[in-house]
């Protein structure tokens, strides 16, 4: 595949010529110099003067703009400009421009690491419009470390294939790869805003492995029986609570626990999942009561710490490895096995009703209705 020709960097204040991608009749947008900024100091890219089919035509338009001779539509009258030796002509014009205006040539391109540092400061230090969790900061830093192959590369020279190769060659699981893609998307949004790249090359980067979280594996009945035998173990205790309540693991750090009326309230991630009520199954009530007396919240360590402890405990018990999310799959499987109403299963898992407007808007259930359903699940002591 032939690479697109590279042209000299334009001086500060000269304007910009942005390549919008293949498949367009006029793929180059010609913008005058930026003169407006937001209250946060973010440059506001001005409306394009025109769109042309060749970079040299765009350069001719900007040159005419600075000479005061540009008129809207003049680009239509520009004949095809010669390609041979055009770089020397461009450099000569730019040199004259710099001498006359005192403008400086753009500095060499920033590395991936430098753009990341700028983006990180902008997102978490400069932008005060919202507060971000420590978990998000941790995941972005981890994603950056996993992109180590790009750290010293010049950001503006990276292309889709460079980014996709890093994702494809990374041996980590789906969630880690997804975080890497998310980081790239956010960095390119920042880079476009500050004109550090000519387009978003992360737009079509994908994770090409199956989502191992979505395709979790529930604990078998035999495995649950074995867990109940070790219910006094702190880690097993938490695993059992998760298997019979169905929240995502991060939710257990902030769940409201009402021991008097015997229900959990909380949830994370989706609108349907937040602030939902799940009755405390009678089989785990004593475990929840005991754990809340010792620890508040239910999960008082980080998710990675609990996951590591869970793996170690299951291995010690001679059981197959399961992830914390498998506990959520287990709750869903138990609801199906013991005939819990499908709509109430969705409610307790925090799943959306999709296009089912009747249940989504008019489907109201009391706690005791949900308790009647969840108590259908039999405990395999």
Protein backbone atom coordinates (compact mmCIF):
# COMPACT_ATOMS: atom_id res chain seq x y z
CA UNK A 1 0.00 0.00 0.00
CA UNK A 2 1.46 3.36 -1.07
CA UNK A 3 2.00 5.73 1.84
CA UNK A 4 0.58 9.22 1.70
CA UNK A 5 3.23 11.82 0.92
CA UNK A 6 4.52 13.79 3.91
CA UNK A 7 4.72 17.56 3.70
CA UNK A 8 6.65 20.09 5.81
CA UNK A 9 5.20 21.25 9.13
CA UNK A 10 3.46 24.59 8.81
CA UNK A 11 4.57 27.45 11.10
CA UNK A 12 2.51 28.50 14.10
CA UNK A 13 -0.20 30.90 13.01
CA UNK A 14 -0.09 29.85 9.35
CA UNK A 15 -3.24 27.74 9.43
CA UNK A 16 -3.68 24.03 8.86
CA UNK A 17 -4.36 21.55 6.09
CA UNK A 18 -6.14 18.48 7.45
CA UNK A 19 -6.45 15.18 5.63
CA UNK A 20 -10.01 13.90 6.19
CA UNK A 21 -9.49 10.40 4.85
CA UNK A 22 -9.80 8.47 1.63
CA UNK A 23 -12.99 8.15 -0.38
CA UNK A 24 -13.65 11.90 -0.61
CA UNK A 25 -13.50 14.00 -3.74
CA UNK A 26 -11.78 16.77 -1.77
CA UNK A 27 -10.08 15.10 1.20
CA UNK A 28 -8.09 18.12 2.42
CA UNK A 29 -9.72 20.76 4.64
CA UNK A 30 -7.97 24.15 4.58
CA UNK A 31 -8.36 26.07 7.86
CA UNK A 32 -7.19 29.63 8.59
CA UNK A 33 -5.15 30.27 11.76
CA UNK A 34 -6.87 29.60 15.09
CA UNK A 35 -7.82 32.83 16.86
CA UNK A 36 -10.48 31.73 19.36
CA UNK A 37 -10.11 29.69 22.53
CA UNK A 38 -12.55 28.31 25.11
CA UNK A 39 -12.48 29.48 28.73
CA UNK A 40 -10.28 26.44 29.44
CA UNK A 41 -7.78 27.55 26.81
CA UNK A 42 -8.78 24.91 24.27
CA UNK A 43 -8.27 26.16 20.70
CA UNK A 44 -11.44 26.40 18.61
CA UNK A 45 -10.70 25.26 15.07
CA UNK A 46 -12.16 27.85 12.68
CA UNK A 47 -14.43 26.93 9.81
CA UNK A 48 -12.54 25.66 6.77
CA UNK A 49 -11.85 28.15 4.00
CA UNK A 50 -12.41 25.39 1.48
CA UNK A 51 -11.88 21.72 0.67
CA UNK A 52 -9.43 20.65 -2.02
CA UNK A 53 -8.23 17.46 -3.67
CA UNK A 54 -4.51 18.14 -3.22
CA UNK A 55 -2.33 19.35 -0.34
CA UNK A 56 -0.45 21.76 -2.63
CA UNK A 57 -3.70 23.47 -3.57
CA UNK A 58 -4.44 23.90 0.12
CA UNK A 59 -1.00 25.42 0.62
CA UNK A 60 -1.62 27.79 -2.29
CA UNK A 61 -4.91 28.86 -0.69
CA UNK A 62 -3.24 29.60 2.67
CA UNK A 63 -0.43 31.49 0.93
CA UNK A 64 -3.02 33.62 -0.88
CA UNK A 65 -4.91 34.08 2.41
CA UNK A 66 -1.82 35.57 4.07
CA UNK A 67 -1.05 37.68 1.00
CA UNK A 68 -4.59 39.08 1.14
CA UNK A 69 -5.47 37.82 -2.34
CA UNK A 70 -7.65 34.84 -1.40
CA UNK A 71 -11.24 34.94 -2.61
CA UNK A 72 -13.81 32.22 -1.88
CA UNK A 73 -13.89 29.77 -4.76
CA UNK A 74 -10.42 30.57 -6.08
CA UNK A 75 -9.40 26.97 -5.35
CA UNK A 76 -11.69 25.87 -8.18
CA UNK A 77 -9.53 27.75 -10.65
CA UNK A 78 -6.24 26.25 -9.45
CA UNK A 79 -4.78 23.89 -12.01
CA UNK A 80 -3.04 20.72 -10.86
CA UNK A 81 0.22 21.82 -9.29
CA UNK A 82 3.47 20.02 -10.08
CA UNK A 83 4.56 17.42 -7.52
CA UNK A 84 8.25 17.21 -8.40
CA UNK A 85 10.39 19.53 -6.34
CA UNK A 86 7.33 20.92 -4.52
CA UNK A 87 8.89 20.38 -1.07
CA UNK A 88 11.72 22.79 -1.90
CA UNK A 89 9.21 25.39 -3.10
CA UNK A 90 7.16 24.98 0.07
CA UNK A 91 10.19 25.34 2.31
CA UNK A 92 11.32 28.47 0.47
CA UNK A 93 7.90 30.09 0.87
CA UNK A 94 7.74 29.10 4.55
CA UNK A 95 11.22 30.47 5.20
CA UNK A 96 10.22 33.82 3.72
CA UNK A 97 7.02 33.78 5.79
CA UNK A 98 8.95 33.11 9.01
CA UNK A 99 11.41 35.94 8.27
CA UNK A 100 8.63 38.42 7.58
CA UNK A 101 6.34 37.50 10.49
CA UNK A 102 8.81 36.31 13.10
CA UNK A 103 6.78 33.11 13.53
CA UNK A 104 8.57 29.92 14.48
CA UNK A 105 8.45 26.57 12.77
CA UNK A 106 6.55 23.92 14.68
CA UNK A 107 8.71 21.89 17.03
CA UNK A 108 9.42 18.24 16.22
CA UNK A 109 6.45 15.96 16.77
CA UNK A 110 5.63 14.89 20.32
CA UNK A 111 6.02 11.28 21.33
CA UNK A 112 3.13 9.06 22.36
CA UNK A 113 4.32 9.35 25.98
CA UNK A 114 4.38 13.15 25.85
CA UNK A 115 0.87 13.33 24.43
CA UNK A 116 -0.30 10.88 27.13
CA UNK A 117 1.18 13.05 29.90
CA UNK A 118 -0.53 16.15 28.49
CA UNK A 119 -3.82 14.31 28.07
CA UNK A 120 -3.64 12.88 31.61
CA UNK A 121 -3.05 16.33 33.15
CA UNK A 122 -5.87 17.81 31.08
CA UNK A 123 -8.36 15.10 32.04
CA UNK A 124 -7.62 14.74 35.74
CA UNK A 125 -6.05 18.05 36.79
CA UNK A 126 -7.25 20.80 34.48
CA UNK A 127 -10.80 19.64 33.78
CA UNK A 128 -12.79 20.42 36.95
CA UNK A 129 -16.21 19.72 35.42
CA UNK A 130 -16.43 16.32 37.14
CA UNK A 131 -14.66 14.05 39.58
CA UNK A 132 -13.03 10.83 38.44
CA UNK A 133 -12.60 7.66 40.47
CA UNK A 134 -9.22 6.29 41.43
CA UNK A 135 -10.21 3.10 39.61
CA UNK A 136 -10.48 5.01 36.32
CA UNK A 137 -7.09 6.64 36.86
CA UNK A 138 -5.57 3.25 37.63
CA UNK A 139 -7.07 1.62 34.52
CA UNK A 140 -5.80 4.42 32.25
CA UNK A 141 -2.29 4.22 33.71
CA UNK A 142 -2.31 0.44 33.28
CA UNK A 143 -3.53 0.81 29.69
CA UNK A 144 -0.69 3.25 28.99
CA UNK A 145 1.89 0.80 30.38
CA UNK A 146 0.45 -1.91 28.14
CA UNK A 147 1.04 0.35 25.11
CA UNK A 148 4.80 0.42 25.78
CA UNK A 149 5.59 -0.36 22.12
CA UNK A 150 4.27 3.10 21.24
CA UNK A 151 5.85 5.16 24.02
CA UNK A 152 8.80 6.58 22.07
CA UNK A 153 7.05 6.77 18.70
CA UNK A 154 6.19 10.18 17.24
CA UNK A 155 2.45 10.53 17.84
CA UNK A 156 1.65 12.35 14.60
CA UNK A 157 3.30 9.58 12.56
CA UNK A 158 1.23 6.74 14.06
CA UNK A 159 -1.41 5.17 11.84
CA UNK A 160 -4.27 2.71 12.31
CA UNK A 161 -2.09 -0.34 11.61
CA UNK A 162 0.42 0.71 14.29
CA UNK A 163 -2.31 0.99 16.91
CA UNK A 164 -4.14 -2.18 15.86
CA UNK A 165 -0.92 -4.19 15.95
CA UNK A 166 -0.31 -3.22 19.58
CA UNK A 167 -3.79 -4.46 20.52
CA UNK A 168 -3.51 -7.65 18.46
CA UNK A 169 -0.08 -8.56 19.88
CA UNK A 170 -0.96 -7.91 23.52
CA UNK A 171 -1.47 -11.23 25.40
CA UNK A 172 -3.86 -9.79 28.01
CA UNK A 173 -7.57 -10.49 28.43
CA UNK A 174 -10.47 -8.69 26.77
CA UNK A 175 -11.08 -6.14 29.53
CA UNK A 176 -7.44 -4.98 29.51
CA UNK A 177 -7.44 -4.71 25.71
CA UNK A 178 -10.70 -2.79 25.83
CA UNK A 179 -9.12 -0.33 28.28
CA UNK A 180 -6.20 0.14 25.88
CA UNK A 181 -8.59 0.95 23.02
CA UNK A 182 -10.47 3.36 25.28
CA UNK A 183 -7.21 5.13 26.15
CA UNK A 184 -6.32 5.48 22.46
CA UNK A 185 -9.77 6.91 21.70
CA UNK A 186 -9.46 9.49 24.47
CA UNK A 187 -5.90 10.44 23.54
CA UNK A 188 -6.86 10.99 19.90
CA UNK A 189 -9.87 13.10 20.92
CA UNK A 190 -7.45 15.27 22.91
CA UNK A 191 -4.89 15.29 20.08
CA UNK A 192 -7.47 16.37 17.49
CA UNK A 193 -8.57 19.19 19.78
CA UNK A 194 -5.01 20.49 19.99
CA UNK A 195 -4.15 19.69 16.35
CA UNK A 196 -1.49 17.12 17.28
CA UNK A 197 -2.70 14.75 14.54
CA UNK A 198 -4.47 15.13 11.23
CA UNK A 199 -7.26 12.62 12.01
CA UNK A 200 -8.40 10.07 14.58
CA UNK A 201 -6.49 6.91 13.68
CA UNK A 202 -7.95 5.09 16.69
CA UNK A 203 -11.52 5.31 15.39
CA UNK A 204 -11.55 1.81 13.89
CA UNK A 205 -9.19 0.01 16.29
CA UNK A 206 -10.92 -3.08 17.70
CA UNK A 207 -10.39 -5.93 20.13
CA UNK A 208 -10.30 -9.10 18.06
CA UNK A 209 -10.80 -11.67 20.83
CA UNK A 210 -13.97 -12.85 22.51
CA UNK A 211 -15.21 -10.99 25.57
CA UNK A 212 -14.27 -13.46 28.31
CA UNK A 213 -16.36 -11.52 30.84
CA UNK A 214 -19.56 -11.72 28.82
CA UNK A 215 -18.98 -15.45 28.33
CA UNK A 216 -18.39 -16.30 31.97
CA UNK A 217 -18.86 -19.72 33.52
CA UNK A 218 -21.22 -20.26 36.44
CA UNK A 219 -20.24 -22.35 39.46
CA UNK A 220 -21.69 -25.86 39.23
CA UNK A 221 -23.97 -27.23 41.95
CA UNK A 222 -21.15 -29.48 43.15
CA UNK A 223 -18.81 -26.49 43.36
CA UNK A 224 -21.40 -24.52 45.33
CA UNK A 225 -21.78 -27.42 47.77
CA UNK A 226 -18.02 -27.39 48.29
CA UNK A 227 -18.03 -23.64 48.88
CA UNK A 228 -20.74 -23.99 51.52
CA UNK A 229 -18.52 -26.45 53.37
CA UNK A 230 -15.97 -23.61 53.76
CA UNK A 231 -18.43 -20.77 54.37
CA UNK A 232 -16.46 -19.63 57.45
CA UNK A 233 -13.52 -18.66 55.22
CA UNK A 234 -13.64 -14.90 54.63
CA UNK A 235 -13.04 -15.16 50.86
CA UNK A 236 -15.49 -18.05 50.39
CA UNK A 237 -18.03 -16.11 52.44
CA UNK A 238 -17.82 -13.22 49.97
CA UNK A 239 -17.99 -15.55 46.96
CA UNK A 240 -21.22 -17.07 48.29
CA UNK A 241 -22.75 -13.65 48.97
CA UNK A 242 -22.00 -12.66 45.36
CA UNK A 243 -23.38 -15.92 43.94
CA UNK A 244 -26.74 -15.39 45.65
CA UNK A 245 -27.16 -11.66 45.03
CA UNK A 246 -25.81 -11.04 41.51
CA UNK A 247 -24.21 -7.58 41.66
CA UNK A 248 -21.06 -6.67 39.78
CA UNK A 249 -18.07 -6.93 42.08
CA UNK A 250 -17.39 -3.18 42.19
CA UNK A 251 -20.92 -2.58 43.49
CA UNK A 252 -20.15 -4.39 46.76
CA UNK A 253 -17.89 -1.52 47.78
CA UNK A 254 -20.83 0.92 47.94
CA UNK A 255 -23.95 -1.22 48.46
CA UNK A 256 -26.48 -0.05 51.01
CA UNK A 257 -27.30 -3.01 53.29
CA UNK A 258 -30.58 -2.96 55.21
CA UNK A 259 -30.44 -5.87 57.66
CA UNK A 260 -33.78 -4.95 59.23
CA UNK A 261 -35.78 -5.13 56.01
CA UNK A 262 -33.30 -7.58 54.49
CA UNK A 263 -32.31 -6.08 51.17
CA UNK A 264 -29.38 -4.67 49.21
CA UNK A 265 -29.66 -1.39 47.32
CA UNK A 266 -27.13 -0.13 44.80
CA UNK A 267 -25.45 -1.15 41.58
CA UNK A 268 -23.10 0.31 38.99
CA UNK A 269 -22.57 0.78 35.26
CA UNK A 270 -26.04 1.06 33.63
CA UNK A 271 -29.16 3.11 34.29
CA UNK A 272 -31.12 -0.11 34.87
CA UNK A 273 -28.44 -1.41 37.21
CA UNK A 274 -27.99 1.59 39.48
CA UNK A 275 -29.96 1.93 42.73
CA UNK A 276 -31.78 -1.34 42.21
CA UNK A 277 -33.08 -3.41 45.12
CA UNK A 278 -32.24 -7.07 45.59
CA UNK A 279 -33.63 -8.90 48.65
CA UNK A 280 -31.04 -10.67 50.80
CA UNK A 281 -31.66 -14.38 50.30
CA UNK A 282 -32.34 -16.10 53.62
CA UNK A 283 -29.52 -18.55 52.88
CA UNK A 284 -26.86 -15.81 52.94
CA UNK A 285 -28.45 -13.50 55.51
CA UNK A 286 -26.25 -14.75 58.36
CA UNK A 287 -23.15 -14.42 56.15
CA UNK A 288 -24.04 -10.83 55.28
CA UNK A 289 -24.83 -10.00 58.91
CA UNK A 290 -21.56 -11.53 60.11
CA UNK A 291 -19.51 -9.83 57.42
CA UNK A 292 -21.01 -6.37 57.98
CA UNK A 293 -20.17 -6.63 61.66
CA UNK A 294 -16.53 -7.24 60.75
CA UNK A 295 -16.21 -5.13 57.65
CA UNK A 296 -17.93 -2.20 56.07
CA UNK A 297 -18.33 -2.16 53.13
CA UNK A 298 -18.78 -5.82 52.15
CA UNK A 299 -15.76 -5.54 49.86
CA UNK A 300 -13.08 -3.61 51.72
CA UNK A 301 -10.15 -4.30 49.39
CA UNK A 302 -9.50 -3.39 45.76
CA UNK A 303 -11.00 -5.56 43.03
CA UNK A 304 -7.55 -6.80 41.86
CA UNK A 305 -6.68 -7.73 45.46
CA UNK A 306 -9.90 -9.68 45.92
CA UNK A 307 -9.54 -11.38 42.56
CA UNK A 308 -6.03 -12.56 43.48
CA UNK A 309 -7.26 -13.81 46.87
CA UNK A 310 -10.19 -15.57 45.19
CA UNK A 311 -7.91 -17.38 42.73
CA UNK A 312 -5.60 -18.45 45.55
CA UNK A 313 -8.50 -19.71 47.69
CA UNK A 314 -10.11 -21.72 44.88
CA UNK A 315 -6.75 -23.28 44.04
CA UNK A 316 -6.22 -24.17 47.70
CA UNK A 317 -9.62 -25.89 47.75
CA UNK A 318 -8.74 -27.84 44.60
CA UNK A 319 -11.40 -26.08 42.54
CA UNK A 320 -11.31 -24.76 38.98
CA UNK A 321 -10.51 -21.07 38.55
CA UNK A 322 -13.50 -18.74 38.42
CA UNK A 323 -13.56 -14.96 38.09
CA UNK A 324 -15.57 -12.68 40.40
CA UNK A 325 -17.89 -12.03 37.45
CA UNK A 326 -18.65 -15.76 37.33
CA UNK A 327 -20.56 -15.22 40.59
CA UNK A 328 -22.95 -12.95 38.69
CA UNK A 329 -23.36 -15.64 36.03
CA UNK A 330 -24.04 -18.12 38.84
CA UNK A 331 -26.86 -15.98 40.24
CA UNK A 332 -28.40 -15.71 36.77
CA UNK A 333 -28.11 -19.48 36.27
CA UNK A 334 -29.69 -20.18 39.68
CA UNK A 335 -32.62 -17.90 38.82
CA UNK A 336 -33.20 -19.86 35.62
CA UNK A 337 -32.75 -23.26 37.28
CA UNK A 338 -35.30 -22.58 40.02
CA UNK A 339 -37.91 -20.80 37.92
CA UNK A 340 -37.48 -17.19 39.02
CA UNK A 341 -39.66 -14.92 36.87
CA UNK A 342 -37.66 -13.78 33.83
CA UNK A 343 -38.67 -10.15 34.34
CA UNK A 344 -37.65 -10.25 38.00
CA UNK A 345 -34.38 -11.95 37.09
CA UNK A 346 -33.67 -9.00 34.79
CA UNK A 347 -34.65 -6.52 37.51
CA UNK A 348 -32.38 -8.09 40.10
CA UNK A 349 -29.46 -8.35 37.65
CA UNK A 350 -29.99 -4.76 36.55
CA UNK A 351 -30.57 -5.68 32.92
CA UNK A 352 -32.47 -3.38 30.60
CA UNK A 353 -35.88 -4.42 29.27
CA UNK A 354 -34.83 -3.17 25.84
CA UNK A 355 -37.87 -2.50 23.65
CA UNK A 356 -40.28 -3.91 26.23
CA UNK A 357 -41.84 -0.54 27.07
CA UNK A 358 -44.53 -2.09 29.28
CA UNK A 359 -42.06 -3.58 31.75
CA UNK A 360 -39.52 -0.78 31.40
CA UNK A 361 -41.97 1.98 32.32
CA UNK A 362 -44.92 0.33 34.02
CA UNK A 363 -43.33 -2.75 35.58
CA UNK A 364 -43.22 -1.87 39.29
CA UNK A 365 -42.42 -4.56 41.87
CA UNK A 366 -42.44 -4.40 45.65
CA UNK A 367 -39.57 -5.81 47.70
CA UNK A 368 -41.74 -8.68 48.91
CA UNK A 369 -42.59 -9.58 45.31
CA UNK A 370 -38.88 -9.87 44.55
CA UNK A 371 -38.28 -11.73 47.81
CA UNK A 372 -40.89 -14.31 46.84
CA UNK A 373 -38.99 -14.90 43.59
CA UNK A 374 -35.44 -15.00 44.97
CA UNK A 375 -36.45 -17.42 47.74
CA UNK A 376 -37.31 -19.95 45.03
CA UNK A 377 -33.55 -20.55 44.80
CA UNK A 378 -32.63 -23.55 46.95
CA UNK A 379 -29.38 -23.58 48.89
CA UNK A 380 -27.35 -26.75 48.29
CA UNK A 381 -25.91 -27.17 51.80
